[in-house]
Protein backbone atom coordinates (compact mmCIF):
# COMPACT_ATOMS: atom_id res chain seq x y z
CA MET A 1 0.16 -0.41 0.51
CA TYR A 2 1.88 3.94 -0.80
CA ARG A 3 1.38 5.91 2.29
CA PRO A 4 2.87 9.60 1.44
CA LEU A 5 6.28 10.50 2.69
CA SER A 6 7.57 12.14 5.29
CA LEU A 7 9.92 13.43 7.22
CA GLU A 8 11.05 10.60 8.86
CA ASP A 9 11.18 9.54 5.72
CA ARG A 10 14.66 11.27 4.53
CA VAL A 11 17.21 9.96 2.81
CA PHE A 12 20.02 10.80 5.95
CA PRO A 13 17.95 10.73 8.79
CA SER A 14 21.01 11.21 10.83
CA ILE A 15 21.29 14.94 9.52
CA SER A 16 18.41 18.22 9.40
CA LEU A 17 16.58 19.42 6.47
CA ALA A 18 17.87 21.70 5.89
CA GLN A 19 21.91 20.46 5.87
CA GLU A 20 20.24 18.01 3.09
CA ILE A 21 18.14 20.42 0.56
CA GLY A 22 22.16 21.76 1.09
CA LEU A 23 23.81 19.17 0.06
CA ALA A 24 21.95 18.76 -2.29
CA VAL A 25 21.66 21.68 -3.71
CA LEU A 26 26.00 21.51 -3.53
CA PHE A 27 25.69 17.87 -6.14
CA VAL A 28 24.21 19.82 -9.03
CA ALA A 29 25.74 22.77 -9.14
CA ALA A 30 29.04 19.28 -8.92
CA LEU A 31 27.22 17.80 -11.90
CA VAL A 32 26.52 21.58 -13.96
CA TRP A 33 30.85 22.22 -13.02
CA VAL A 34 31.94 18.65 -14.36
CA VAL A 35 28.94 19.08 -17.20
CA GLY A 36 29.74 22.33 -18.09
CA LEU A 37 33.93 21.22 -18.10
CA GLY A 38 33.52 18.37 -20.27
CA HIS A 39 31.51 20.39 -22.90
CA MET A 40 34.40 22.54 -22.75
CA LEU A 41 37.43 19.66 -23.39
CA TRP A 42 35.26 18.78 -25.84
CA ASP A 43 34.42 22.49 -27.98
CA SER A 44 38.87 22.50 -27.40
CA ARG A 45 39.33 18.69 -28.83
CA PHE A 46 38.14 19.86 -32.48
CA HIS A 47 38.51 23.41 -32.72
CA GLN A 48 42.12 23.72 -31.87
CA PRO A 49 43.60 27.75 -33.02
CA GLU A 50 46.17 27.68 -36.73
CA PRO A 51 49.16 27.30 -35.73
CA GLY A 52 50.85 31.33 -36.20
CA VAL A 53 46.88 33.50 -36.36
CA PHE A 54 46.90 36.16 -33.62
CA ASP A 55 44.45 37.96 -33.52
CA GLY A 56 45.53 39.94 -30.60
CA LEU A 57 44.56 40.69 -27.03
CA SER A 58 41.23 41.41 -26.96
CA ALA A 59 41.87 42.92 -23.47
CA ILE A 60 43.76 45.53 -24.02
CA PRO A 61 42.17 48.79 -26.33
CA ALA A 62 43.66 49.27 -30.15
CA GLN A 63 45.84 52.95 -29.17
CA ARG A 64 44.22 55.98 -30.58
CA THR A 65 44.72 58.78 -32.30
CA SER A 66 45.68 62.41 -30.77
CA ALA A 67 42.25 63.31 -33.03
CA ALA A 68 40.23 61.11 -31.49
CA HIS A 69 40.28 63.59 -28.01
CA PRO A 70 41.53 67.03 -27.57
CA MET A 71 42.05 66.30 -23.66
CA GLU A 72 44.48 63.67 -25.27
CA SER A 73 47.13 65.68 -26.95
CA VAL A 74 49.89 67.75 -25.06
CA GLU A 75 51.28 70.97 -26.77
CA LEU A 76 54.99 71.04 -26.19
CA THR A 77 57.58 73.88 -25.48
CA GLU A 78 60.15 74.30 -27.76
CA ALA A 79 61.88 74.38 -24.49
CA GLU A 80 60.69 70.84 -24.10
CA GLN A 81 60.63 69.11 -27.43
CA GLN A 82 64.36 69.92 -27.05
CA ALA A 83 63.76 68.27 -22.90
CA PHE A 84 62.40 65.56 -24.71
CA ALA A 85 65.16 64.94 -27.68
CA GLY A 86 68.25 65.15 -25.37
CA LEU A 87 66.00 62.30 -22.54
CA ILE A 88 65.80 60.20 -26.05
CA ARG A 89 69.45 60.45 -27.13
CA THR A 90 70.33 59.19 -23.10
CA ILE A 91 68.66 55.66 -23.33
CA PRO A 92 71.22 53.23 -25.12
CA LEU A 93 70.14 51.40 -27.72
CA HIS A 94 71.36 48.50 -27.11
């Protein structure tokens, strides 16, 4: 004869209901992680990039020109230009 499940018929009677729910949530999260990892590894087996092909880093934006925004360019005086040129000449090139 069928009787409905009650709190006494739990899977792990030695732990509380909250711990049992937490264990179930942890199990589902671990299962989703394993399936996602397997899917990621399976996809990487078949989608290898061509050797020598490199698109660059997508996290580093391309350098903008000084015409992009007026605050990104500075006009140097003649003395500042000469000082900068002297500084550049002191950098060793080897």
